[in-house]
Amino acid sequence: AEALVYTLEEWASLPQRSPRLARVLREETRWLLPPP
């Protein structure tokens, strides 16, 4: 749910900050956003 409020900049910077978190968020929001 938290992923839904991320801005594009935050989304784009996630892989650099936390690859594991970014992977989980991509899995959970696969239906909403394409992978970066």
PDB file of N, CA and C in Angstrom:
ATOM      1  N   ALA A   1       0.840  -1.202   0.000  1.00  0.00           N
ATOM      2  CA  ALA A   1       0.000   0.000   0.000  1.00  0.00           C
ATOM      3  C   ALA A   1       0.871   1.245   0.000  1.00  0.00           C
ATOM      4  N   GLU A   2       1.962   1.195   0.764  1.00  0.00           N
ATOM      5  CA  GLU A   2       2.849   2.347   0.838  1.00  0.00           C
ATOM      6  C   GLU A   2       3.448   2.684  -0.524  1.00  0.00           C
ATOM      7  N   ALA A   3       3.639   1.665  -1.332  1.00  0.00           N
ATOM      8  CA  ALA A   3       4.253   1.889  -2.645  1.00  0.00           C
ATOM      9  C   ALA A   3       3.375   2.787  -3.513  1.00  0.00           C
ATOM     10  N   LEU A   4       2.085   2.794  -3.248  1.00  0.00           N
ATOM     11  CA  LEU A   4       1.165   3.547  -4.092  1.00  0.00           C
ATOM     12  C   LEU A   4       1.375   5.050  -3.976  1.00  0.00           C
ATOM     13  N   VAL A   5       2.002   5.507  -2.891  1.00  0.00           N
ATOM     14  CA  VAL A   5       2.167   6.946  -2.690  1.00  0.00           C
ATOM     15  C   VAL A   5       3.567   7.421  -3.051  1.00  0.00           C
ATOM     16  N   TYR A   6       4.414   6.502  -3.491  1.00  0.00           N
ATOM     17  CA  TYR A   6       5.768   6.892  -3.884  1.00  0.00           C
ATOM     18  C   TYR A   6       5.719   7.787  -5.119  1.00  0.00           C
ATOM     19  N   THR A   7       6.561   8.801  -5.123  1.00  0.00           N
ATOM     20  CA  THR A   7       6.678   9.631  -6.321  1.00  0.00           C
ATOM     21  C   THR A   7       7.574   8.914  -7.317  1.00  0.00           C
ATOM     22  N   LEU A   8       7.581   9.395  -8.535  1.00  0.00           N
ATOM     23  CA  LEU A   8       8.411   8.766  -9.559  1.00  0.00           C
ATOM     24  C   LEU A   8       9.885   8.845  -9.183  1.00  0.00           C
ATOM     25  N   GLU A   9      10.296   9.960  -8.596  1.00  0.00           N
ATOM     26  CA  GLU A   9      11.702  10.098  -8.209  1.00  0.00           C
ATOM     27  C   GLU A   9      12.060   9.101  -7.122  1.00  0.00           C
ATOM     28  N   GLU A  10      11.182   8.944  -6.141  1.00  0.00           N
ATOM     29  CA  GLU A  10      11.428   7.984  -5.072  1.00  0.00           C
ATOM     30  C   GLU A  10      11.473   6.571  -5.645  1.00  0.00           C
ATOM     31  N   TRP A  11      10.545   6.280  -6.550  1.00  0.00           N
ATOM     32  CA  TRP A  11      10.487   4.961  -7.171  1.00  0.00           C
ATOM     33  C   TRP A  11      11.781   4.675  -7.934  1.00  0.00           C
ATOM     34  N   ALA A  12      12.260   5.691  -8.667  1.00  0.00           N
ATOM     35  CA  ALA A  12      13.461   5.523  -9.481  1.00  0.00           C
ATOM     36  C   ALA A  12      14.701   5.360  -8.616  1.00  0.00           C
ATOM     37  N   SER A  13      14.694   5.938  -7.410  1.00  0.00           N
ATOM     38  CA  SER A  13      15.877   5.879  -6.559  1.00  0.00           C
ATOM     39  C   SER A  13      15.881   4.648  -5.654  1.00  0.00           C
ATOM     40  N   LEU A  14      14.758   3.941  -5.588  1.00  0.00           N
ATOM     41  CA  LEU A  14      14.679   2.782  -4.700  1.00  0.00           C
ATOM     42  C   LEU A  14      15.750   1.724  -4.962  1.00  0.00           C
ATOM     43  N   PRO A  15      15.992   1.339  -6.217  1.00  0.00           N
ATOM     44  CA  PRO A  15      16.991   0.291  -6.467  1.00  0.00           C
ATOM     45  C   PRO A  15      18.364   0.644  -5.907  1.00  0.00           C
ATOM     46  N   GLN A  16      18.725   1.924  -5.916  1.00  0.00           N
ATOM     47  CA  GLN A  16      20.022   2.325  -5.398  1.00  0.00           C
ATOM     48  C   GLN A  16      20.040   2.286  -3.868  1.00  0.00           C
ATOM     49  N   ARG A  17      18.906   2.638  -3.250  1.00  0.00           N
ATOM     50  CA  ARG A  17      18.842   2.701  -1.789  1.00  0.00           C
ATOM     51  C   ARG A  17      18.643   1.324  -1.177  1.00  0.00           C
ATOM     52  N   SER A  18      17.773   0.536  -1.762  1.00  0.00           N
ATOM     53  CA  SER A  18      17.449  -0.761  -1.178  1.00  0.00           C
ATOM     54  C   SER A  18      16.954  -1.727  -2.254  1.00  0.00           C
ATOM     55  N   PRO A  19      17.876  -2.441  -2.874  1.00  0.00           N
ATOM     56  CA  PRO A  19      17.500  -3.369  -3.962  1.00  0.00           C
ATOM     57  C   PRO A  19      16.439  -4.379  -3.536  1.00  0.00           C
ATOM     58  N   ARG A  20      16.555  -4.902  -2.318  1.00  0.00           N
ATOM     59  CA  ARG A  20      15.571  -5.888  -1.873  1.00  0.00           C
ATOM     60  C   ARG A  20      14.195  -5.262  -1.742  1.00  0.00           C
ATOM     61  N   LEU A  21      14.147  -4.066  -1.143  1.00  0.00           N
ATOM     62  CA  LEU A  21      12.866  -3.375  -0.988  1.00  0.00           C
ATOM     63  C   LEU A  21      12.263  -3.059  -2.348  1.00  0.00           C
ATOM     64  N   ALA A  22      13.102  -2.583  -3.249  1.00  0.00           N
ATOM     65  CA  ALA A  22      12.622  -2.236  -4.585  1.00  0.00           C
ATOM     66  C   ALA A  22      12.028  -3.461  -5.275  1.00  0.00           C
ATOM     67  N   ARG A  23      12.687  -4.621  -5.099  1.00  0.00           N
ATOM     68  CA  ARG A  23      12.187  -5.837  -5.735  1.00  0.00           C
ATOM     69  C   ARG A  23      10.814  -6.208  -5.180  1.00  0.00           C
ATOM     70  N   VAL A  24      10.672  -6.115  -3.867  1.00  0.00           N
ATOM     71  CA  VAL A  24       9.386  -6.429  -3.237  1.00  0.00           C
ATOM     72  C   VAL A  24       8.310  -5.470  -3.722  1.00  0.00           C
ATOM     73  N   LEU A  25       8.642  -4.187  -3.770  1.00  0.00           N
ATOM     74  CA  LEU A  25       7.657  -3.199  -4.208  1.00  0.00           C
ATOM     75  C   LEU A  25       7.255  -3.441  -5.650  1.00  0.00           C
ATOM     76  N   ARG A  26       8.224  -3.805  -6.495  1.00  0.00           N
ATOM     77  CA  ARG A  26       7.889  -4.086  -7.901  1.00  0.00           C
ATOM     78  C   ARG A  26       6.951  -5.284  -7.990  1.00  0.00           C
ATOM     79  N   GLU A  27       7.204  -6.299  -7.161  1.00  0.00           N
ATOM     80  CA  GLU A  27       6.331  -7.471  -7.171  1.00  0.00           C
ATOM     81  C   GLU A  27       4.916  -7.091  -6.746  1.00  0.00           C
ATOM     82  N   GLU A  28       4.812  -6.248  -5.708  1.00  0.00           N
ATOM     83  CA  GLU A  28       3.504  -5.901  -5.159  1.00  0.00           C
ATOM     84  C   GLU A  28       2.744  -4.921  -6.045  1.00  0.00           C
ATOM     85  N   THR A  29       3.474  -4.123  -6.829  1.00  0.00           N
ATOM     86  CA  THR A  29       2.802  -3.106  -7.642  1.00  0.00           C
ATOM     87  C   THR A  29       2.908  -3.416  -9.132  1.00  0.00           C
ATOM     88  N   ARG A  30       3.225  -4.668  -9.442  1.00  0.00           N
ATOM     89  CA  ARG A  30       3.369  -5.094 -10.832  1.00  0.00           C
ATOM     90  C   ARG A  30       2.106  -4.772 -11.637  1.00  0.00           C
ATOM     91  N   TRP A  31       0.952  -4.826 -10.982  1.00  0.00           N
ATOM     92  CA  TRP A  31      -0.329  -4.577 -11.659  1.00  0.00           C
ATOM     93  C   TRP A  31      -0.551  -3.098 -11.911  1.00  0.00           C
ATOM     94  N   LEU A  32       0.220  -2.246 -11.201  1.00  0.00           N
ATOM     95  CA  LEU A  32      -0.014  -0.809 -11.296  1.00  0.00           C
ATOM     96  C   LEU A  32       1.046  -0.114 -12.145  1.00  0.00           C
ATOM     97  N   LEU A  33       2.299  -0.450 -11.909  1.00  0.00           N
ATOM     98  CA  LEU A  33       3.390   0.218 -12.617  1.00  0.00           C
ATOM     99  C   LEU A  33       4.299  -0.798 -13.278  1.00  0.00           C
ATOM    100  N   PRO A  34       4.840  -0.463 -14.437  1.00  0.00           N
ATOM    101  CA  PRO A  34       5.841  -1.326 -15.066  1.00  0.00           C
ATOM    102  C   PRO A  34       7.137  -1.237 -14.280  1.00  0.00           C
ATOM    103  N   PRO A  35       7.979  -2.256 -14.328  1.00  0.00           N
ATOM    104  CA  PRO A  35       9.266  -2.193 -13.636  1.00  0.00           C
ATOM    105  C   PRO A  35      10.110  -1.058 -14.191  1.00  0.00           C
ATOM    106  N   PRO A  36      10.895  -0.417 -13.350  1.00  0.00           N
ATOM    107  CA  PRO A  36      11.733   0.708 -13.793  1.00  0.00           C
ATOM    108  C   PRO A  36      12.807   0.278 -14.782  1.00  0.00           C
TER     109      PRO A  36
END
